[in-house]
Amino acid sequence: LDCYVYMIEHPTYGRHGYLVERMLDIKGFEYQKWNNNNGGVRGQRMEPVDARRNLEDLLAAQDGLEAIGEEEEYDSDDCDSGGSEGSCSSVNEKSQVWDDQDVHIEDDDIPQAFSCFTYHFTRRKMVVCDLQGVFNTDLCPPVFELTDPAIHHYESSGRKHHYGRSDKGEAGIEAFLKTHRCGNLCRMMK
């Protein structure tokens, strides 16, 4: 979501900044928290797994993850109400599940895979997590509208809170790794 900072000059308390963003449509879509700032994952109990070893195995198998090229981006002109193959109607409206041959990906898998992707893409220096918001299926293609994410940043110099108060540094990255289980989408990105 786009956000703005308003600076307000108060006669008694001085200058204060306020972060403002558009209100999410929580009447039309369920507000969800897919993962949190302490390693919690929606729908999972907090049982640690040896995810660091699994993620390091993935990194060893792949030199690095590549960003999506422009030619691979989704063309919004493909969206129509006619239901042609490849259009937004290929989303199963009931379950929000995408199927492609033997690969099964649910919408809840996408935010987790994004957090995993940020860990790999930054060469294990950052994780973007605390992913919360709505999955807007009125848009074509459907879009995750996320608000207030956290970035955990590993800083070898020991500097803390590089990305604000919610940045827990290496401890935050470790919390994510202890609970993250790579799914089909994570494996597809390697």
N, C-alpha and C. Protein backbone atom coordinates (compact mmCIF):
# COMPACT_ATOMS: atom_id res chain seq x y z
N LEU A 1 0.84 -1.19 0.00
CA LEU A 1 0.00 0.00 0.00
C LEU A 1 0.87 1.24 0.00
N ASP A 2 0.43 2.25 -0.69
CA ASP A 2 1.13 3.53 -0.62
C ASP A 2 0.94 4.10 0.77
N CYS A 3 1.97 4.74 1.28
CA CYS A 3 1.84 5.37 2.59
C CYS A 3 2.48 6.76 2.54
N TYR A 4 2.11 7.57 3.48
CA TYR A 4 2.57 8.95 3.54
C TYR A 4 2.95 9.30 4.96
N VAL A 5 3.89 10.22 5.11
CA VAL A 5 4.27 10.72 6.43
C VAL A 5 3.84 12.18 6.51
N TYR A 6 3.01 12.45 7.50
CA TYR A 6 2.57 13.82 7.75
C TYR A 6 3.34 14.34 8.97
N MET A 7 3.94 15.49 8.83
CA MET A 7 4.65 16.13 9.93
C MET A 7 3.73 17.20 10.51
N ILE A 8 3.42 17.08 11.79
CA ILE A 8 2.51 17.99 12.47
C ILE A 8 3.30 18.76 13.53
N GLU A 9 3.15 20.06 13.52
CA GLU A 9 3.79 20.92 14.52
C GLU A 9 2.78 21.22 15.61
N HIS A 10 3.03 20.67 16.80
CA HIS A 10 2.15 20.88 17.93
C HIS A 10 2.76 21.97 18.81
N PRO A 11 1.96 22.97 19.27
CA PRO A 11 2.53 24.08 20.04
C PRO A 11 3.19 23.65 21.35
N THR A 12 2.72 22.59 21.96
CA THR A 12 3.28 22.14 23.23
C THR A 12 4.29 21.00 23.06
N TYR A 13 3.95 20.02 22.22
CA TYR A 13 4.76 18.80 22.11
C TYR A 13 5.77 18.82 20.98
N GLY A 14 5.77 19.87 20.18
CA GLY A 14 6.75 19.96 19.09
C GLY A 14 6.31 19.21 17.85
N ARG A 15 7.30 18.90 17.04
CA ARG A 15 7.04 18.27 15.73
C ARG A 15 6.95 16.75 15.87
N HIS A 16 5.89 16.17 15.26
CA HIS A 16 5.67 14.73 15.27
C HIS A 16 5.34 14.25 13.87
N GLY A 17 5.82 13.06 13.52
CA GLY A 17 5.51 12.46 12.23
C GLY A 17 4.47 11.37 12.39
N TYR A 18 3.53 11.30 11.46
CA TYR A 18 2.48 10.30 11.47
C TYR A 18 2.47 9.58 10.14
N LEU A 19 2.57 8.26 10.20
CA LEU A 19 2.52 7.43 9.01
C LEU A 19 1.06 7.12 8.70
N VAL A 20 0.62 7.41 7.47
CA VAL A 20 -0.77 7.25 7.09
C VAL A 20 -0.83 6.43 5.80
N GLU A 21 -1.77 5.47 5.77
CA GLU A 21 -1.99 4.69 4.56
C GLU A 21 -3.47 4.47 4.37
N ARG A 22 -3.84 4.07 3.17
CA ARG A 22 -5.23 3.81 2.84
C ARG A 22 -5.76 2.68 3.73
N MET A 23 -7.00 2.80 4.14
CA MET A 23 -7.65 1.77 4.96
C MET A 23 -7.89 0.53 4.11
N LEU A 24 -7.54 -0.63 4.65
CA LEU A 24 -7.80 -1.89 3.96
C LEU A 24 -9.29 -2.19 3.96
N ASP A 25 -9.74 -2.88 2.92
CA ASP A 25 -11.15 -3.27 2.82
C ASP A 25 -11.36 -4.53 3.66
N ILE A 26 -11.60 -4.35 4.96
CA ILE A 26 -11.79 -5.50 5.84
C ILE A 26 -13.26 -5.93 5.91
N LYS A 27 -14.13 -5.15 5.27
CA LYS A 27 -15.54 -5.58 5.19
C LYS A 27 -15.71 -6.58 4.04
N GLY A 28 -14.99 -6.34 2.96
CA GLY A 28 -15.10 -7.23 1.79
C GLY A 28 -14.17 -8.42 1.85
N PHE A 29 -13.08 -8.31 2.61
CA PHE A 29 -12.08 -9.38 2.68
C PHE A 29 -11.63 -9.56 4.12
N GLU A 30 -11.31 -10.78 4.46
CA GLU A 30 -10.88 -11.08 5.82
C GLU A 30 -9.46 -10.58 6.06
N TYR A 31 -9.28 -9.80 7.11
CA TYR A 31 -7.94 -9.37 7.52
C TYR A 31 -7.21 -10.58 8.09
N GLN A 32 -5.98 -10.79 7.64
CA GLN A 32 -5.22 -11.95 8.08
C GLN A 32 -3.80 -11.55 8.43
N LYS A 33 -3.22 -12.31 9.31
CA LYS A 33 -1.80 -12.15 9.64
C LYS A 33 -1.15 -13.47 9.25
N TRP A 34 -0.40 -13.47 8.13
CA TRP A 34 0.16 -14.70 7.60
C TRP A 34 1.41 -15.13 8.37
N ASN A 35 2.20 -14.19 8.83
CA ASN A 35 3.31 -14.50 9.73
C ASN A 35 3.55 -13.29 10.60
N ASN A 36 4.28 -13.47 11.71
CA ASN A 36 4.49 -12.34 12.60
C ASN A 36 5.96 -12.05 12.81
N ASN A 37 6.23 -11.14 13.69
CA ASN A 37 7.58 -10.64 13.93
C ASN A 37 8.40 -11.56 14.83
N ASN A 38 7.76 -12.60 15.37
CA ASN A 38 8.46 -13.51 16.29
C ASN A 38 8.56 -14.93 15.75
N GLY A 39 8.36 -15.10 14.45
CA GLY A 39 8.47 -16.41 13.84
C GLY A 39 7.16 -17.15 13.73
N GLY A 40 6.06 -16.57 14.22
CA GLY A 40 4.77 -17.24 14.14
C GLY A 40 4.25 -17.31 12.72
N VAL A 41 3.59 -18.41 12.40
CA VAL A 41 3.04 -18.63 11.07
C VAL A 41 1.58 -19.00 11.21
N ARG A 42 0.73 -18.37 10.41
CA ARG A 42 -0.71 -18.64 10.45
C ARG A 42 -0.96 -20.12 10.21
N GLY A 43 -1.73 -20.73 11.10
CA GLY A 43 -2.09 -22.12 10.94
C GLY A 43 -1.04 -23.11 11.44
N GLN A 44 0.06 -22.62 12.00
CA GLN A 44 1.10 -23.52 12.51
C GLN A 44 1.28 -23.31 13.99
N ARG A 45 1.53 -24.39 14.70
CA ARG A 45 1.93 -24.27 16.09
C ARG A 45 3.38 -23.87 16.12
N MET A 46 3.79 -23.23 17.17
CA MET A 46 5.17 -22.76 17.29
C MET A 46 6.10 -23.91 17.70
N GLU A 47 6.30 -24.87 16.79
CA GLU A 47 7.21 -25.97 17.02
C GLU A 47 8.43 -25.75 16.15
N PRO A 48 9.58 -25.45 16.75
CA PRO A 48 10.77 -25.18 15.95
C PRO A 48 11.18 -26.39 15.10
N VAL A 49 11.64 -26.09 13.89
CA VAL A 49 12.22 -27.10 13.01
C VAL A 49 13.59 -26.62 12.60
N ASP A 50 14.39 -27.50 12.06
CA ASP A 50 15.74 -27.10 11.64
C ASP A 50 15.67 -26.51 10.23
N ALA A 51 14.99 -25.36 10.12
CA ALA A 51 14.78 -24.74 8.82
C ALA A 51 16.06 -24.14 8.26
N ARG A 52 16.98 -23.68 9.12
CA ARG A 52 18.22 -23.08 8.62
C ARG A 52 18.96 -24.08 7.74
N ARG A 53 19.03 -25.35 8.18
CA ARG A 53 19.71 -26.35 7.39
C ARG A 53 19.01 -26.55 6.05
N ASN A 54 17.67 -26.60 6.06
CA ASN A 54 16.92 -26.77 4.82
C ASN A 54 17.14 -25.58 3.88
N LEU A 55 17.11 -24.36 4.42
CA LEU A 55 17.31 -23.18 3.58
C LEU A 55 18.73 -23.11 3.05
N GLU A 56 19.72 -23.48 3.88
CA GLU A 56 21.10 -23.47 3.41
C GLU A 56 21.31 -24.53 2.34
N ASP A 57 20.62 -25.67 2.43
CA ASP A 57 20.69 -26.69 1.38
C ASP A 57 20.14 -26.13 0.07
N LEU A 58 19.03 -25.36 0.16
CA LEU A 58 18.47 -24.74 -1.03
C LEU A 58 19.45 -23.75 -1.65
N LEU A 59 20.11 -22.95 -0.80
CA LEU A 59 21.09 -21.99 -1.32
C LEU A 59 22.26 -22.69 -1.98
N ALA A 60 22.70 -23.80 -1.41
CA ALA A 60 23.82 -24.54 -1.98
C ALA A 60 23.46 -25.07 -3.36
N ALA A 61 22.19 -25.44 -3.54
CA ALA A 61 21.75 -25.99 -4.81
C ALA A 61 21.55 -24.91 -5.86
N GLN A 62 21.41 -23.68 -5.44
CA GLN A 62 21.15 -22.58 -6.36
C GLN A 62 22.07 -21.44 -6.04
N ASP A 63 22.72 -20.87 -7.04
CA ASP A 63 23.65 -19.77 -6.83
C ASP A 63 22.97 -18.55 -6.24
N GLY A 64 21.72 -18.36 -6.54
CA GLY A 64 20.94 -17.24 -6.01
C GLY A 64 19.61 -17.20 -6.73
N LEU A 65 18.63 -16.58 -6.15
CA LEU A 65 17.34 -16.48 -6.79
C LEU A 65 17.32 -15.25 -7.68
N GLU A 66 16.69 -15.38 -8.79
CA GLU A 66 16.62 -14.28 -9.74
C GLU A 66 15.27 -13.60 -9.62
N ALA A 67 15.25 -12.30 -9.87
CA ALA A 67 13.99 -11.57 -9.86
C ALA A 67 13.21 -11.92 -11.12
N ILE A 68 11.91 -11.71 -11.11
CA ILE A 68 11.08 -11.97 -12.28
C ILE A 68 11.40 -10.92 -13.32
N GLY A 69 11.67 -11.35 -14.53
CA GLY A 69 11.96 -10.43 -15.61
C GLY A 69 10.69 -9.79 -16.12
N GLU A 70 10.82 -8.66 -16.82
CA GLU A 70 9.65 -7.94 -17.30
C GLU A 70 8.80 -8.79 -18.23
N GLU A 71 9.46 -9.62 -19.05
CA GLU A 71 8.70 -10.43 -20.00
C GLU A 71 7.87 -11.50 -19.30
N GLU A 72 8.16 -11.79 -18.03
CA GLU A 72 7.43 -12.81 -17.30
C GLU A 72 6.27 -12.23 -16.48
N GLU A 73 6.13 -10.92 -16.45
CA GLU A 73 5.09 -10.32 -15.65
C GLU A 73 3.72 -10.64 -16.21
N TYR A 74 2.73 -10.63 -15.34
CA TYR A 74 1.35 -10.91 -15.72
C TYR A 74 0.81 -9.74 -16.53
N ASP A 75 0.16 -10.04 -17.63
CA ASP A 75 -0.41 -9.00 -18.48
C ASP A 75 -1.86 -8.79 -18.08
N SER A 76 -2.17 -7.62 -17.54
CA SER A 76 -3.53 -7.36 -17.07
C SER A 76 -4.54 -7.36 -18.21
N ASP A 77 -4.08 -7.25 -19.47
CA ASP A 77 -5.00 -7.31 -20.59
C ASP A 77 -5.60 -8.71 -20.75
N ASP A 78 -4.95 -9.72 -20.13
CA ASP A 78 -5.46 -11.08 -20.19
C ASP A 78 -6.69 -11.27 -19.31
N CYS A 79 -6.99 -10.30 -18.45
CA CYS A 79 -8.12 -10.41 -17.54
C CYS A 79 -9.40 -10.11 -18.28
N ASP A 80 -10.30 -11.03 -18.23
CA ASP A 80 -11.62 -10.77 -18.79
C ASP A 80 -12.63 -11.57 -18.01
N SER A 81 -13.87 -11.27 -18.22
CA SER A 81 -14.90 -11.99 -17.48
C SER A 81 -15.32 -13.26 -18.20
N GLY A 82 -14.74 -13.53 -19.35
CA GLY A 82 -15.13 -14.69 -20.14
C GLY A 82 -14.56 -15.99 -19.64
N GLY A 83 -13.58 -15.97 -18.78
CA GLY A 83 -13.07 -17.21 -18.21
C GLY A 83 -12.11 -17.94 -19.11
N SER A 84 -11.42 -17.24 -20.03
CA SER A 84 -10.46 -17.92 -20.89
C SER A 84 -9.28 -18.41 -20.07
N GLU A 85 -8.65 -19.46 -20.56
CA GLU A 85 -7.53 -20.04 -19.83
C GLU A 85 -6.42 -19.00 -19.68
N GLY A 86 -5.82 -18.93 -18.51
CA GLY A 86 -4.76 -17.95 -18.25
C GLY A 86 -5.30 -16.65 -17.68
N SER A 87 -6.61 -16.48 -17.70
CA SER A 87 -7.16 -15.26 -17.12
C SER A 87 -7.35 -15.44 -15.63
N CYS A 88 -7.81 -14.41 -14.98
CA CYS A 88 -8.01 -14.47 -13.52
C CYS A 88 -9.02 -15.52 -13.13
N SER A 89 -9.85 -15.93 -14.04
CA SER A 89 -10.85 -16.93 -13.68
C SER A 89 -10.21 -18.30 -13.45
N SER A 90 -8.90 -18.44 -13.72
CA SER A 90 -8.24 -19.71 -13.42
C SER A 90 -8.02 -19.88 -11.92
N VAL A 91 -8.33 -18.84 -11.14
CA VAL A 91 -8.30 -18.97 -9.68
C VAL A 91 -9.59 -19.63 -9.26
N ASN A 92 -9.48 -20.66 -8.45
CA ASN A 92 -10.65 -21.32 -7.91
C ASN A 92 -11.25 -20.38 -6.87
N GLU A 93 -12.37 -19.76 -7.17
CA GLU A 93 -12.95 -18.72 -6.32
C GLU A 93 -13.23 -19.21 -4.90
N LYS A 94 -13.63 -20.48 -4.75
CA LYS A 94 -13.98 -20.98 -3.42
C LYS A 94 -12.76 -21.12 -2.52
N SER A 95 -11.75 -21.79 -3.01
CA SER A 95 -10.65 -22.16 -2.12
C SER A 95 -9.40 -21.31 -2.31
N GLN A 96 -9.38 -20.43 -3.27
CA GLN A 96 -8.21 -19.60 -3.53
C GLN A 96 -6.98 -20.48 -3.76
N VAL A 97 -7.13 -21.53 -4.54
CA VAL A 97 -6.05 -22.48 -4.79
C VAL A 97 -5.67 -22.42 -6.26
N TRP A 98 -4.37 -22.39 -6.52
CA TRP A 98 -3.85 -22.46 -7.88
C TRP A 98 -3.30 -23.85 -8.08
N ASP A 99 -3.61 -24.48 -9.18
CA ASP A 99 -3.07 -25.80 -9.49
C ASP A 99 -2.39 -25.75 -10.85
N ASP A 100 -1.21 -26.34 -10.94
CA ASP A 100 -0.50 -26.46 -12.20
C ASP A 100 0.15 -27.83 -12.20
N GLN A 101 -0.43 -28.75 -12.94
CA GLN A 101 0.01 -30.15 -12.99
C GLN A 101 0.04 -30.72 -11.58
N ASP A 102 1.21 -31.10 -11.09
CA ASP A 102 1.32 -31.73 -9.78
C ASP A 102 1.59 -30.75 -8.65
N VAL A 103 1.68 -29.47 -8.95
CA VAL A 103 2.00 -28.47 -7.93
C VAL A 103 0.72 -27.86 -7.39
N HIS A 104 0.60 -27.84 -6.09
CA HIS A 104 -0.59 -27.30 -5.43
C HIS A 104 -0.13 -26.14 -4.54
N ILE A 105 -0.63 -24.94 -4.81
CA ILE A 105 -0.24 -23.75 -4.05
C ILE A 105 -1.50 -23.05 -3.57
N GLU A 106 -1.59 -22.84 -2.27
CA GLU A 106 -2.71 -22.10 -1.71
C GLU A 106 -2.30 -20.65 -1.49
N ASP A 107 -3.28 -19.77 -1.38
CA ASP A 107 -2.95 -18.36 -1.20
C ASP A 107 -2.12 -18.12 0.06
N ASP A 108 -2.34 -18.90 1.11
CA ASP A 108 -1.56 -18.73 2.34
C ASP A 108 -0.08 -19.07 2.15
N ASP A 109 0.25 -19.81 1.09
CA ASP A 109 1.65 -20.16 0.82
C ASP A 109 2.44 -18.97 0.29
N ILE A 110 1.77 -18.03 -0.34
CA ILE A 110 2.47 -16.95 -1.04
C ILE A 110 3.19 -16.01 -0.09
N PRO A 111 2.57 -15.51 0.98
CA PRO A 111 3.33 -14.63 1.89
C PRO A 111 4.52 -15.35 2.53
N GLN A 112 4.35 -16.63 2.88
CA GLN A 112 5.47 -17.37 3.46
C GLN A 112 6.61 -17.50 2.46
N ALA A 113 6.28 -17.81 1.22
CA ALA A 113 7.30 -17.94 0.19
C ALA A 113 7.98 -16.59 -0.07
N PHE A 114 7.21 -15.50 0.03
CA PHE A 114 7.82 -14.17 -0.14
C PHE A 114 8.85 -13.91 0.95
N SER A 115 8.51 -14.22 2.20
CA SER A 115 9.47 -14.04 3.29
C SER A 115 10.71 -14.88 3.04
N CYS A 116 10.53 -16.12 2.62
CA CYS A 116 11.65 -17.01 2.31
C CYS A 116 12.48 -16.43 1.17
N PHE A 117 11.81 -15.93 0.13
CA PHE A 117 12.49 -15.31 -1.00
C PHE A 117 13.37 -14.15 -0.55
N THR A 118 12.85 -13.31 0.36
CA THR A 118 13.65 -12.15 0.79
C THR A 118 14.92 -12.59 1.50
N TYR A 119 14.84 -13.70 2.22
CA TYR A 119 16.01 -14.24 2.91
C TYR A 119 17.07 -14.68 1.89
N HIS A 120 16.64 -15.40 0.86
CA HIS A 120 17.58 -15.87 -0.17
C HIS A 120 18.11 -14.72 -1.02
N PHE A 121 17.20 -13.85 -1.45
CA PHE A 121 17.57 -12.78 -2.38
C PHE A 121 18.59 -11.82 -1.76
N THR A 122 18.50 -11.63 -0.45
CA THR A 122 19.44 -10.72 0.23
C THR A 122 20.67 -11.48 0.75
N ARG A 123 20.82 -12.70 0.28
CA ARG A 123 21.95 -13.55 0.69
C ARG A 123 22.03 -13.70 2.20
N ARG A 124 20.85 -14.02 2.79
CA ARG A 124 20.70 -14.32 4.21
C ARG A 124 20.97 -13.12 5.12
N LYS A 125 20.79 -11.92 4.61
CA LYS A 125 21.00 -10.71 5.42
C LYS A 125 19.70 -10.11 5.93
N MET A 126 18.56 -10.43 5.31
CA MET A 126 17.29 -9.83 5.70
C MET A 126 16.15 -10.82 5.54
N VAL A 127 15.08 -10.56 6.29
CA VAL A 127 13.80 -11.25 6.10
C VAL A 127 12.71 -10.20 6.24
N VAL A 128 11.82 -10.16 5.27
CA VAL A 128 10.63 -9.32 5.38
C VAL A 128 9.52 -10.23 5.91
N CYS A 129 8.97 -9.87 7.06
CA CYS A 129 7.94 -10.71 7.69
C CYS A 129 6.91 -9.82 8.36
N ASP A 130 6.16 -10.37 9.27
CA ASP A 130 5.03 -9.69 9.89
C ASP A 130 4.05 -9.27 8.80
N LEU A 131 3.79 -10.22 7.90
CA LEU A 131 2.95 -9.95 6.74
C LEU A 131 1.48 -10.09 7.13
N GLN A 132 0.76 -8.98 6.98
CA GLN A 132 -0.63 -8.90 7.40
C GLN A 132 -1.39 -7.99 6.46
N GLY A 133 -2.66 -8.29 6.28
CA GLY A 133 -3.49 -7.48 5.40
C GLY A 133 -4.63 -8.29 4.85
N VAL A 134 -4.98 -8.03 3.59
CA VAL A 134 -6.08 -8.74 2.95
C VAL A 134 -5.62 -9.29 1.60
N PHE A 135 -6.28 -10.36 1.16
CA PHE A 135 -6.07 -10.91 -0.17
C PHE A 135 -7.25 -10.46 -1.01
N ASN A 136 -7.03 -9.44 -1.84
CA ASN A 136 -8.09 -8.80 -2.61
C ASN A 136 -8.33 -9.56 -3.90
N THR A 137 -9.41 -10.34 -3.93
CA THR A 137 -9.74 -11.13 -5.11
C THR A 137 -10.62 -10.36 -6.09
N ASP A 138 -10.98 -9.11 -5.76
CA ASP A 138 -11.74 -8.29 -6.71
C ASP A 138 -10.84 -7.75 -7.81
N LEU A 139 -9.53 -7.72 -7.57
CA LEU A 139 -8.58 -7.23 -8.56
C LEU A 139 -8.14 -8.38 -9.45
N CYS A 140 -7.69 -8.04 -10.63
CA CYS A 140 -7.25 -9.04 -11.59
C CYS A 140 -5.85 -8.70 -12.06
N PRO A 141 -4.85 -9.49 -11.70
CA PRO A 141 -4.91 -10.69 -10.88
C PRO A 141 -5.16 -10.33 -9.42
N PRO A 142 -5.59 -11.31 -8.61
CA PRO A 142 -5.78 -11.05 -7.18
C PRO A 142 -4.49 -10.54 -6.55
N VAL A 143 -4.62 -9.68 -5.54
CA VAL A 143 -3.46 -9.00 -4.97
C VAL A 143 -3.48 -9.09 -3.45
N PHE A 144 -2.31 -9.34 -2.87
CA PHE A 144 -2.15 -9.21 -1.42
C PHE A 144 -1.93 -7.74 -1.13
N GLU A 145 -2.77 -7.15 -0.32
CA GLU A 145 -2.59 -5.78 0.12
C GLU A 145 -2.08 -5.86 1.55
N LEU A 146 -0.79 -5.60 1.73
CA LEU A 146 -0.12 -5.80 3.01
C LEU A 146 0.15 -4.47 3.69
N THR A 147 0.13 -4.50 5.00
CA THR A 147 0.37 -3.30 5.77
C THR A 147 1.34 -3.60 6.91
N ASP A 148 2.14 -2.65 7.26
CA ASP A 148 2.99 -2.69 8.45
C ASP A 148 3.92 -3.91 8.53
N PRO A 149 4.70 -4.20 7.47
CA PRO A 149 5.63 -5.33 7.56
C PRO A 149 6.83 -4.98 8.44
N ALA A 150 7.55 -6.00 8.83
CA ALA A 150 8.80 -5.81 9.57
C ALA A 150 9.94 -6.33 8.72
N ILE A 151 11.09 -5.71 8.84
CA ILE A 151 12.30 -6.19 8.17
C ILE A 151 13.33 -6.48 9.25
N HIS A 152 13.78 -7.73 9.29
CA HIS A 152 14.87 -8.10 10.19
C HIS A 152 16.14 -8.07 9.35
N HIS A 153 17.15 -7.37 9.84
CA HIS A 153 18.38 -7.16 9.08
C HIS A 153 19.58 -7.60 9.91
N TYR A 154 20.37 -8.53 9.35
CA TYR A 154 21.60 -8.95 10.02
C TYR A 154 22.67 -7.91 9.74
N GLU A 155 23.20 -7.32 10.79
CA GLU A 155 24.21 -6.26 10.67
C GLU A 155 25.48 -6.75 11.34
N SER A 156 26.52 -7.01 10.56
CA SER A 156 27.77 -7.54 11.11
C SER A 156 28.45 -6.54 12.05
N SER A 157 28.16 -5.26 11.89
CA SER A 157 28.77 -4.24 12.75
C SER A 157 28.09 -4.16 14.11
N GLY A 158 26.96 -4.86 14.26
CA GLY A 158 26.25 -4.85 15.53
C GLY A 158 25.22 -3.74 15.67
N ARG A 159 25.09 -2.90 14.64
CA ARG A 159 24.10 -1.83 14.69
C ARG A 159 22.70 -2.43 14.84
N LYS A 160 21.92 -1.89 15.73
CA LYS A 160 20.58 -2.42 15.99
C LYS A 160 19.51 -1.54 15.36
N HIS A 161 18.38 -2.18 15.08
CA HIS A 161 17.18 -1.49 14.59
C HIS A 161 17.44 -0.68 13.31
N HIS A 162 18.18 -1.28 12.38
CA HIS A 162 18.48 -0.63 11.11
C HIS A 162 17.20 -0.20 10.38
N TYR A 163 16.16 -1.04 10.47
CA TYR A 163 14.89 -0.74 9.81
C TYR A 163 13.78 -0.43 10.81
N GLY A 164 14.10 0.19 11.90
CA GLY A 164 13.10 0.61 12.87
C GLY A 164 13.03 -0.30 14.09
N ARG A 165 12.11 0.04 14.99
CA ARG A 165 12.00 -0.68 16.27
C ARG A 165 11.62 -2.14 16.11
N SER A 166 10.93 -2.49 15.03
CA SER A 166 10.51 -3.89 14.85
C SER A 166 11.62 -4.76 14.26
N ASP A 167 12.74 -4.15 13.86
CA ASP A 167 13.87 -4.90 13.31
C ASP A 167 14.60 -5.59 14.46
N LYS A 168 14.45 -6.91 14.53
CA LYS A 168 15.09 -7.67 15.61
C LYS A 168 16.43 -8.28 15.17
N GLY A 169 16.91 -7.86 14.01
CA GLY A 169 18.21 -8.30 13.55
C GLY A 169 18.31 -9.81 13.40
N GLU A 170 19.47 -10.35 13.80
CA GLU A 170 19.73 -11.78 13.65
C GLU A 170 18.72 -12.61 14.44
N ALA A 171 18.30 -12.14 15.60
CA ALA A 171 17.32 -12.89 16.41
C ALA A 171 15.99 -13.01 15.67
N GLY A 172 15.57 -11.98 14.95
CA GLY A 172 14.34 -12.03 14.17
C GLY A 172 14.46 -12.99 12.99
N ILE A 173 15.62 -12.97 12.33
CA ILE A 173 15.86 -13.90 11.22
C ILE A 173 15.82 -15.33 11.74
N GLU A 174 16.48 -15.57 12.87
CA GLU A 174 16.49 -16.92 13.46
C GLU A 174 15.08 -17.37 13.84
N ALA A 175 14.26 -16.46 14.36
CA ALA A 175 12.88 -16.81 14.73
C ALA A 175 12.11 -17.26 13.49
N PHE A 176 12.30 -16.56 12.38
CA PHE A 176 11.64 -16.96 11.13
C PHE A 176 12.12 -18.34 10.69
N LEU A 177 13.44 -18.55 10.72
CA LEU A 177 14.01 -19.81 10.25
C LEU A 177 13.60 -21.00 11.10
N LYS A 178 13.36 -20.78 12.38
CA LYS A 178 12.98 -21.88 13.27
C LYS A 178 11.59 -22.42 12.96
N THR A 179 10.71 -21.59 12.39
CA THR A 179 9.34 -22.02 12.16
C THR A 179 8.99 -22.18 10.69
N HIS A 180 9.75 -21.59 9.80
CA HIS A 180 9.41 -21.66 8.37
C HIS A 180 9.62 -23.07 7.83
N ARG A 181 8.64 -23.55 7.10
CA ARG A 181 8.75 -24.82 6.39
C ARG A 181 8.57 -24.51 4.91
N CYS A 182 9.60 -24.74 4.12
CA CYS A 182 9.49 -24.46 2.69
C CYS A 182 8.39 -25.30 2.08
N GLY A 183 7.50 -24.63 1.35
CA GLY A 183 6.41 -25.31 0.65
C GLY A 183 6.74 -25.43 -0.83
N ASN A 184 5.73 -25.82 -1.61
CA ASN A 184 5.92 -26.00 -3.05
C ASN A 184 6.42 -24.73 -3.72
N LEU A 185 5.86 -23.60 -3.34
CA LEU A 185 6.26 -22.34 -3.97
C LEU A 185 7.70 -21.98 -3.67
N CYS A 186 8.14 -22.19 -2.44
CA CYS A 186 9.55 -21.97 -2.09
C CYS A 186 10.46 -22.85 -2.95
N ARG A 187 10.07 -24.12 -3.08
CA ARG A 187 10.88 -25.05 -3.86
C ARG A 187 10.88 -24.67 -5.35
N MET A 188 9.78 -24.12 -5.84
CA MET A 188 9.72 -23.70 -7.25
C MET A 188 10.67 -22.54 -7.53
N MET A 189 10.97 -21.73 -6.50
CA MET A 189 11.83 -20.56 -6.71
C MET A 189 13.31 -20.89 -6.72
N LYS A 190 13.66 -22.12 -6.38
CA LYS A 190 15.10 -22.42 -6.34
C LYS A 190 15.67 -22.65 -7.71
